[in-house]
Amino acid sequence: MKQNNKDIEPFRVIRGAFATNKAHGNNGHFFIPYNSKYLLCIVSDGAGWEHVSFRIVNKKNTRSWIGDYRAMKFVKEMFWEDTECVVQYFPPKKDHINMHDNVLHLWKPTDQELPMPKKVMV
């Protein structure tokens, strides 16, 4: 995950119940302009994982939409370096917990490299 990511700092939620500050590093909530809407991103980098969950929302955060490939790519590039590989997991149904509709998640382990198919396969 990008360290001292100056690109996201202006969009950090700094007031209210989910407020964080620069001292929290990449952890926190971020309200990032995206096309004519916003991305509400929840970011964490503990317990052996870097994680960003996100959904597309209106300016008042009263309506949300699930992101598409372009939104997922935008989030990946905002929070991770071009050289890093991240994944979206689909857990077994018995382990799936859905706390919020329209939310996508990107993950990267901090203690190992993710296996990848050969370049010609992706």
Foldseek 3Di string as FASTA:
>chain_A
DDWPQPLQQVFFACDDDFHDHCVQTQATWGWADDDQWTKTWGWDQDPQKTKIKIWTAHPVRPDTAADDPVVVVVVCVSPHPPPADKDWDDDPPVPDDDPDPRMTMIMDGPPDHDDDDPPVVD
